[in-house]
């Protein structure tokens, strides 16, 4: 498995660890919330990177790619 494939698998299983959407998969977060995090309170480290990736995936209509990996 390539590093990119591993990253996508981790992204498909990643959950929000805190806040209003605690426990939800990142892919299930509303786009407006992802945008707000991106512009105001993007977490440091891996979670911040994952949030940016999820935002880009949603923006480009690639959600089905992540949903397939969740199964």
Protein backbone atom coordinates (compact mmCIF):
# COMPACT_ATOMS: atom_id res chain seq x y z
CA UNK A 1 0.00 0.00 0.00
CA UNK A 2 1.38 3.41 -0.95
CA UNK A 3 1.65 6.27 1.56
CA UNK A 4 -1.14 8.11 -0.28
CA UNK A 5 -3.46 5.12 -0.02
CA UNK A 6 -2.68 4.77 3.68
CA UNK A 7 -3.38 8.48 4.19
CA UNK A 8 -6.78 8.16 2.47
CA UNK A 9 -7.68 5.16 4.65
CA UNK A 10 -6.76 7.09 7.80
CA UNK A 11 -8.76 10.05 6.53
CA UNK A 12 -11.83 7.86 5.95
CA UNK A 13 -11.68 6.65 9.57
CA UNK A 14 -10.75 9.98 11.19
CA UNK A 15 -13.23 11.45 13.66
CA UNK A 16 -13.57 14.90 15.17
CA UNK A 17 -12.08 14.66 18.68
CA UNK A 18 -13.81 17.67 20.27
CA UNK A 19 -16.48 20.34 19.97
CA UNK A 20 -20.01 20.35 18.64
CA UNK A 21 -19.26 17.57 16.17
CA UNK A 22 -17.21 15.37 18.52
CA UNK A 23 -17.24 11.73 17.43
CA UNK A 24 -18.37 12.40 13.86
CA UNK A 25 -16.31 11.31 10.90
CA UNK A 26 -14.46 14.27 9.39
CA UNK A 27 -16.13 13.57 6.04
CA UNK A 28 -19.51 14.09 7.74
CA UNK A 29 -18.67 17.58 9.02
CA UNK A 30 -20.63 20.34 7.29
CA UNK A 31 -18.69 22.29 4.69
CA UNK A 32 -19.44 25.61 6.42
CA UNK A 33 -17.79 24.26 9.61
CA UNK A 34 -14.72 23.06 7.73
CA UNK A 35 -14.42 26.48 6.11
CA UNK A 36 -14.78 28.19 9.49
CA UNK A 37 -12.06 25.98 10.99
CA UNK A 38 -9.82 26.64 8.00
CA UNK A 39 -10.20 30.41 8.33
CA UNK A 40 -10.35 30.79 12.13
CA UNK A 41 -9.24 27.87 14.28
CA UNK A 42 -7.42 25.28 12.25
CA UNK A 43 -5.85 22.81 14.69
CA UNK A 44 -2.12 22.18 14.54
CA UNK A 45 -0.64 18.92 13.35
CA UNK A 46 -2.28 15.91 11.76
CA UNK A 47 -5.87 16.93 12.56
CA UNK A 48 -5.39 20.30 10.86
CA UNK A 49 -3.95 18.60 7.78
CA UNK A 50 -6.86 16.14 7.70
CA UNK A 51 -9.41 18.95 7.99
CA UNK A 52 -7.80 20.76 5.05
CA UNK A 53 -7.82 17.56 2.98
CA UNK A 54 -11.47 16.87 3.79
CA UNK A 55 -12.35 20.44 2.86
CA UNK A 56 -10.61 20.08 -0.52
CA UNK A 57 -12.24 16.69 -1.12
CA UNK A 58 -15.71 18.12 -0.45
CA UNK A 59 -14.98 21.23 -2.51
CA UNK A 60 -14.05 19.08 -5.51
CA UNK A 61 -16.96 16.65 -5.16
CA UNK A 62 -14.82 13.66 -4.23
CA UNK A 63 -16.78 12.56 -1.15
CA UNK A 64 -17.77 9.20 -2.74
CA UNK A 65 -14.08 8.26 -2.80
CA UNK A 66 -13.86 8.54 0.99
CA UNK A 67 -17.28 6.94 1.54
CA UNK A 68 -16.16 3.83 -0.40
CA UNK A 69 -13.15 3.53 1.87
CA UNK A 70 -15.33 3.70 4.99
CA UNK A 71 -17.06 0.43 4.10
